[in-house]
């Protein structure tokens, strides 16, 4: 399992619209091959700051399967205009202890 993590900075005053758009966008990502689950968290200390966590079965499901799909174009259309600056997306794997 791969965990995608993105810190999202939403433009001031657009938080409610972003959350509504994200509900629609959630339907897109949840139907992708390799998708397992996702969570969106709103920061308590910083308005407009969100943490997106997505679990994928493998890295390529996100970087190739989703990012190179027609569905990703709709995801971009729904969400990318809310961000300033554009988020950095990182991928993590669990450390076995």
N, C-alpha and C. Protein backbone atom coordinates (compact mmCIF):
# COMPACT_ATOMS: atom_id res chain seq x y z
N UNK A 1 0.84 -1.17 0.00
CA UNK A 1 0.00 0.00 0.00
C UNK A 1 0.89 1.24 0.00
N UNK A 2 0.50 2.23 -0.79
CA UNK A 2 1.19 3.51 -0.89
C UNK A 2 0.25 4.59 -0.37
N UNK A 3 0.78 5.50 0.43
CA UNK A 3 0.00 6.61 0.94
C UNK A 3 0.43 7.88 0.23
N UNK A 4 -0.51 8.48 -0.47
CA UNK A 4 -0.29 9.78 -1.11
C UNK A 4 -0.67 10.85 -0.09
N UNK A 5 0.18 11.85 0.10
CA UNK A 5 -0.11 12.94 1.03
C UNK A 5 0.09 14.26 0.31
N UNK A 6 -0.92 15.14 0.43
CA UNK A 6 -0.83 16.46 -0.19
C UNK A 6 -1.36 17.50 0.78
N UNK A 7 -0.57 18.52 1.05
CA UNK A 7 -1.01 19.66 1.84
C UNK A 7 -1.61 20.65 0.86
N UNK A 8 -2.89 20.95 1.02
CA UNK A 8 -3.62 21.80 0.09
C UNK A 8 -3.86 23.17 0.71
N UNK A 9 -3.45 24.21 0.01
CA UNK A 9 -3.71 25.58 0.43
C UNK A 9 -4.79 26.15 -0.47
N UNK A 10 -5.98 26.33 0.11
CA UNK A 10 -7.14 26.81 -0.65
C UNK A 10 -7.22 28.33 -0.51
N UNK A 11 -7.49 28.99 -1.61
CA UNK A 11 -7.58 30.45 -1.64
C UNK A 11 -8.58 30.95 -0.59
N UNK A 12 -8.23 32.04 0.05
CA UNK A 12 -9.03 32.63 1.10
C UNK A 12 -10.47 32.88 0.64
N UNK A 13 -11.43 32.44 1.45
CA UNK A 13 -12.83 32.64 1.15
C UNK A 13 -13.45 31.60 0.25
N UNK A 14 -12.65 30.66 -0.25
CA UNK A 14 -13.16 29.64 -1.18
C UNK A 14 -13.30 28.27 -0.52
N UNK A 15 -13.15 28.20 0.79
CA UNK A 15 -13.14 26.92 1.48
C UNK A 15 -14.45 26.14 1.29
N UNK A 16 -15.56 26.80 1.44
CA UNK A 16 -16.86 26.10 1.31
C UNK A 16 -17.04 25.57 -0.11
N UNK A 17 -16.72 26.39 -1.11
CA UNK A 17 -16.83 25.95 -2.50
C UNK A 17 -15.89 24.79 -2.78
N UNK A 18 -14.68 24.86 -2.21
CA UNK A 18 -13.71 23.77 -2.38
C UNK A 18 -14.26 22.47 -1.81
N UNK A 19 -14.80 22.52 -0.60
CA UNK A 19 -15.32 21.30 0.02
C UNK A 19 -16.47 20.71 -0.79
N UNK A 20 -17.31 21.54 -1.36
CA UNK A 20 -18.40 21.05 -2.21
C UNK A 20 -17.84 20.41 -3.48
N UNK A 21 -16.88 21.05 -4.10
CA UNK A 21 -16.25 20.50 -5.30
C UNK A 21 -15.53 19.20 -4.98
N UNK A 22 -14.91 19.14 -3.81
CA UNK A 22 -14.19 17.93 -3.43
C UNK A 22 -15.13 16.75 -3.27
N UNK A 23 -16.34 17.00 -2.79
CA UNK A 23 -17.32 15.91 -2.69
C UNK A 23 -17.58 15.30 -4.07
N UNK A 24 -17.72 16.15 -5.08
CA UNK A 24 -17.93 15.65 -6.44
C UNK A 24 -16.68 14.93 -6.96
N UNK A 25 -15.52 15.52 -6.70
CA UNK A 25 -14.26 14.93 -7.16
C UNK A 25 -13.99 13.58 -6.49
N UNK A 26 -14.49 13.41 -5.27
CA UNK A 26 -14.29 12.14 -4.56
C UNK A 26 -14.87 10.97 -5.33
N UNK A 27 -15.96 11.20 -6.05
CA UNK A 27 -16.56 10.14 -6.85
C UNK A 27 -15.62 9.71 -7.98
N UNK A 28 -14.85 10.64 -8.49
CA UNK A 28 -13.91 10.34 -9.57
C UNK A 28 -12.80 9.43 -9.06
N UNK A 29 -12.12 9.87 -8.01
CA UNK A 29 -10.95 9.14 -7.54
C UNK A 29 -11.33 7.77 -6.97
N UNK A 30 -12.49 7.69 -6.32
CA UNK A 30 -12.86 6.43 -5.68
C UNK A 30 -13.19 5.33 -6.67
N UNK A 31 -13.35 5.68 -7.94
CA UNK A 31 -13.64 4.68 -8.97
C UNK A 31 -12.41 4.28 -9.78
N UNK A 32 -11.25 4.77 -9.39
CA UNK A 32 -10.02 4.47 -10.14
C UNK A 32 -9.44 3.12 -9.73
N UNK A 33 -8.82 2.45 -10.67
CA UNK A 33 -8.14 1.19 -10.40
C UNK A 33 -6.98 1.43 -9.43
N UNK A 34 -6.87 0.60 -8.42
CA UNK A 34 -5.80 0.72 -7.44
C UNK A 34 -6.13 1.62 -6.27
N UNK A 35 -7.22 2.37 -6.36
CA UNK A 35 -7.65 3.23 -5.26
C UNK A 35 -8.13 2.36 -4.11
N UNK A 36 -7.76 2.75 -2.86
CA UNK A 36 -8.24 2.02 -1.69
C UNK A 36 -9.11 2.88 -0.78
N UNK A 37 -8.67 4.10 -0.49
CA UNK A 37 -9.46 4.98 0.38
C UNK A 37 -8.85 6.37 0.34
N UNK A 38 -9.61 7.35 0.85
CA UNK A 38 -9.05 8.70 0.98
C UNK A 38 -9.72 9.43 2.14
N UNK A 39 -9.01 10.44 2.64
CA UNK A 39 -9.49 11.30 3.71
C UNK A 39 -9.07 12.72 3.40
N UNK A 40 -9.95 13.65 3.70
CA UNK A 40 -9.63 15.07 3.60
C UNK A 40 -9.80 15.67 4.99
N UNK A 41 -8.75 16.32 5.49
CA UNK A 41 -8.77 16.93 6.82
C UNK A 41 -8.60 18.43 6.71
N UNK A 42 -9.39 19.18 7.46
CA UNK A 42 -9.30 20.64 7.53
C UNK A 42 -8.47 21.02 8.75
N UNK A 43 -7.52 21.92 8.56
CA UNK A 43 -6.65 22.36 9.64
C UNK A 43 -7.42 23.28 10.60
N UNK A 44 -7.27 23.07 11.88
CA UNK A 44 -7.95 23.89 12.88
C UNK A 44 -7.25 25.24 13.09
N UNK A 45 -5.94 25.27 12.95
CA UNK A 45 -5.19 26.49 13.20
C UNK A 45 -5.09 27.43 12.00
N UNK A 46 -5.16 26.88 10.81
CA UNK A 46 -4.96 27.69 9.59
C UNK A 46 -6.12 27.52 8.63
N UNK A 47 -7.02 28.50 8.58
CA UNK A 47 -8.13 28.41 7.62
C UNK A 47 -7.60 28.26 6.18
N UNK A 48 -8.25 27.43 5.44
CA UNK A 48 -7.84 27.22 4.05
C UNK A 48 -6.78 26.16 3.86
N UNK A 49 -6.30 25.57 4.95
CA UNK A 49 -5.28 24.53 4.86
C UNK A 49 -5.93 23.16 5.07
N UNK A 50 -5.67 22.25 4.13
CA UNK A 50 -6.24 20.91 4.18
C UNK A 50 -5.14 19.88 3.96
N UNK A 51 -5.36 18.70 4.52
CA UNK A 51 -4.46 17.57 4.28
C UNK A 51 -5.27 16.48 3.58
N UNK A 52 -4.80 16.10 2.40
CA UNK A 52 -5.43 15.01 1.65
C UNK A 52 -4.54 13.78 1.75
N UNK A 53 -5.14 12.67 2.17
CA UNK A 53 -4.45 11.38 2.26
C UNK A 53 -5.21 10.39 1.39
N UNK A 54 -4.49 9.74 0.48
CA UNK A 54 -5.11 8.75 -0.41
C UNK A 54 -4.29 7.48 -0.34
N UNK A 55 -4.95 6.36 -0.13
CA UNK A 55 -4.27 5.07 -0.15
C UNK A 55 -4.46 4.42 -1.52
N UNK A 56 -3.35 4.03 -2.10
CA UNK A 56 -3.32 3.35 -3.39
C UNK A 56 -2.69 1.98 -3.21
N UNK A 57 -3.05 1.04 -4.05
CA UNK A 57 -2.45 -0.30 -3.96
C UNK A 57 -0.97 -0.26 -4.34
N UNK A 58 -0.59 0.65 -5.26
CA UNK A 58 0.81 0.79 -5.66
C UNK A 58 1.00 2.19 -6.24
N UNK A 59 2.23 2.61 -6.38
CA UNK A 59 2.56 3.95 -6.84
C UNK A 59 2.00 4.23 -8.24
N UNK A 60 2.12 3.27 -9.14
CA UNK A 60 1.70 3.46 -10.52
C UNK A 60 0.19 3.67 -10.66
N UNK A 61 -0.58 3.15 -9.73
CA UNK A 61 -2.03 3.38 -9.78
C UNK A 61 -2.33 4.88 -9.68
N UNK A 62 -1.51 5.60 -8.93
CA UNK A 62 -1.70 7.05 -8.82
C UNK A 62 -0.98 7.78 -9.95
N UNK A 63 0.32 7.53 -10.10
CA UNK A 63 1.13 8.34 -11.01
C UNK A 63 0.84 8.08 -12.48
N UNK A 64 0.41 6.88 -12.81
CA UNK A 64 0.12 6.54 -14.21
C UNK A 64 -1.39 6.36 -14.40
N UNK A 65 -1.97 5.42 -13.66
CA UNK A 65 -3.38 5.09 -13.84
C UNK A 65 -4.31 6.27 -13.64
N UNK A 66 -4.10 7.05 -12.59
CA UNK A 66 -4.97 8.20 -12.33
C UNK A 66 -4.48 9.44 -13.05
N UNK A 67 -3.23 9.79 -12.87
CA UNK A 67 -2.73 11.06 -13.40
C UNK A 67 -2.73 11.12 -14.93
N UNK A 68 -2.71 9.99 -15.60
CA UNK A 68 -2.71 9.99 -17.06
C UNK A 68 -4.07 9.61 -17.65
N UNK A 69 -5.11 9.69 -16.82
CA UNK A 69 -6.44 9.30 -17.27
C UNK A 69 -7.30 10.50 -17.66
N UNK A 70 -8.35 10.22 -18.39
CA UNK A 70 -9.34 11.26 -18.71
C UNK A 70 -10.04 11.74 -17.45
N UNK A 71 -10.21 10.86 -16.49
CA UNK A 71 -10.86 11.23 -15.23
C UNK A 71 -10.05 12.28 -14.47
N UNK A 72 -8.73 12.22 -14.61
CA UNK A 72 -7.88 13.21 -13.94
C UNK A 72 -8.13 14.60 -14.50
N UNK A 73 -8.46 14.70 -15.77
CA UNK A 73 -8.75 16.01 -16.36
C UNK A 73 -9.98 16.63 -15.70
N UNK A 74 -10.97 15.82 -15.39
CA UNK A 74 -12.15 16.31 -14.69
C UNK A 74 -11.81 16.69 -13.25
N UNK A 75 -10.98 15.88 -12.59
CA UNK A 75 -10.48 16.18 -11.24
C UNK A 75 -9.81 17.56 -11.24
N UNK A 76 -8.93 17.78 -12.20
CA UNK A 76 -8.25 19.07 -12.32
C UNK A 76 -9.24 20.21 -12.51
N UNK A 77 -10.21 20.01 -13.39
CA UNK A 77 -11.19 21.04 -13.67
C UNK A 77 -11.97 21.43 -12.41
N UNK A 78 -12.30 20.43 -11.60
CA UNK A 78 -13.07 20.68 -10.38
C UNK A 78 -12.25 21.34 -9.27
N UNK A 79 -10.96 21.02 -9.16
CA UNK A 79 -10.22 21.37 -7.95
C UNK A 79 -9.03 22.31 -8.11
N UNK A 80 -8.31 22.24 -9.20
CA UNK A 80 -7.02 22.91 -9.26
C UNK A 80 -7.08 24.43 -9.16
N UNK A 81 -8.18 25.04 -9.53
CA UNK A 81 -8.28 26.50 -9.45
C UNK A 81 -8.41 27.02 -8.02
N UNK A 82 -8.63 26.13 -7.06
CA UNK A 82 -8.74 26.54 -5.66
C UNK A 82 -7.38 26.73 -4.99
N UNK A 83 -6.32 26.17 -5.54
CA UNK A 83 -5.03 26.09 -4.83
C UNK A 83 -4.13 27.28 -5.10
N UNK A 84 -3.53 27.78 -4.02
CA UNK A 84 -2.49 28.81 -4.13
C UNK A 84 -1.63 28.77 -2.88
N UNK A 85 -0.41 28.24 -3.00
CA UNK A 85 0.25 27.72 -4.20
C UNK A 85 -0.25 26.31 -4.52
N UNK A 86 0.18 25.82 -5.68
CA UNK A 86 -0.18 24.47 -6.07
C UNK A 86 0.49 23.48 -5.12
N UNK A 87 -0.23 22.45 -4.68
CA UNK A 87 0.32 21.55 -3.66
C UNK A 87 1.44 20.65 -4.17
N UNK A 88 2.29 20.31 -3.25
CA UNK A 88 3.29 19.28 -3.47
C UNK A 88 2.69 17.95 -3.02
N UNK A 89 2.80 16.95 -3.85
CA UNK A 89 2.26 15.62 -3.55
C UNK A 89 3.44 14.69 -3.31
N UNK A 90 3.37 13.96 -2.20
CA UNK A 90 4.43 13.00 -1.87
C UNK A 90 3.81 11.65 -1.60
N UNK A 91 4.61 10.60 -1.76
CA UNK A 91 4.15 9.23 -1.59
C UNK A 91 4.98 8.56 -0.49
N UNK A 92 4.30 7.78 0.34
CA UNK A 92 4.95 7.13 1.48
C UNK A 92 4.60 5.65 1.50
N UNK A 93 5.54 4.88 2.02
CA UNK A 93 5.28 3.48 2.26
C UNK A 93 5.50 3.20 3.74
N UNK A 94 4.77 2.24 4.26
CA UNK A 94 4.84 1.92 5.67
C UNK A 94 6.19 1.29 6.02
N UNK A 95 6.69 1.65 7.16
CA UNK A 95 7.93 1.07 7.67
C UNK A 95 7.56 -0.08 8.59
N UNK A 96 8.07 -1.26 8.30
CA UNK A 96 7.81 -2.41 9.15
C UNK A 96 8.73 -2.37 10.34
N UNK A 97 8.16 -2.39 11.50
CA UNK A 97 8.95 -2.33 12.74
C UNK A 97 8.97 -3.64 13.45
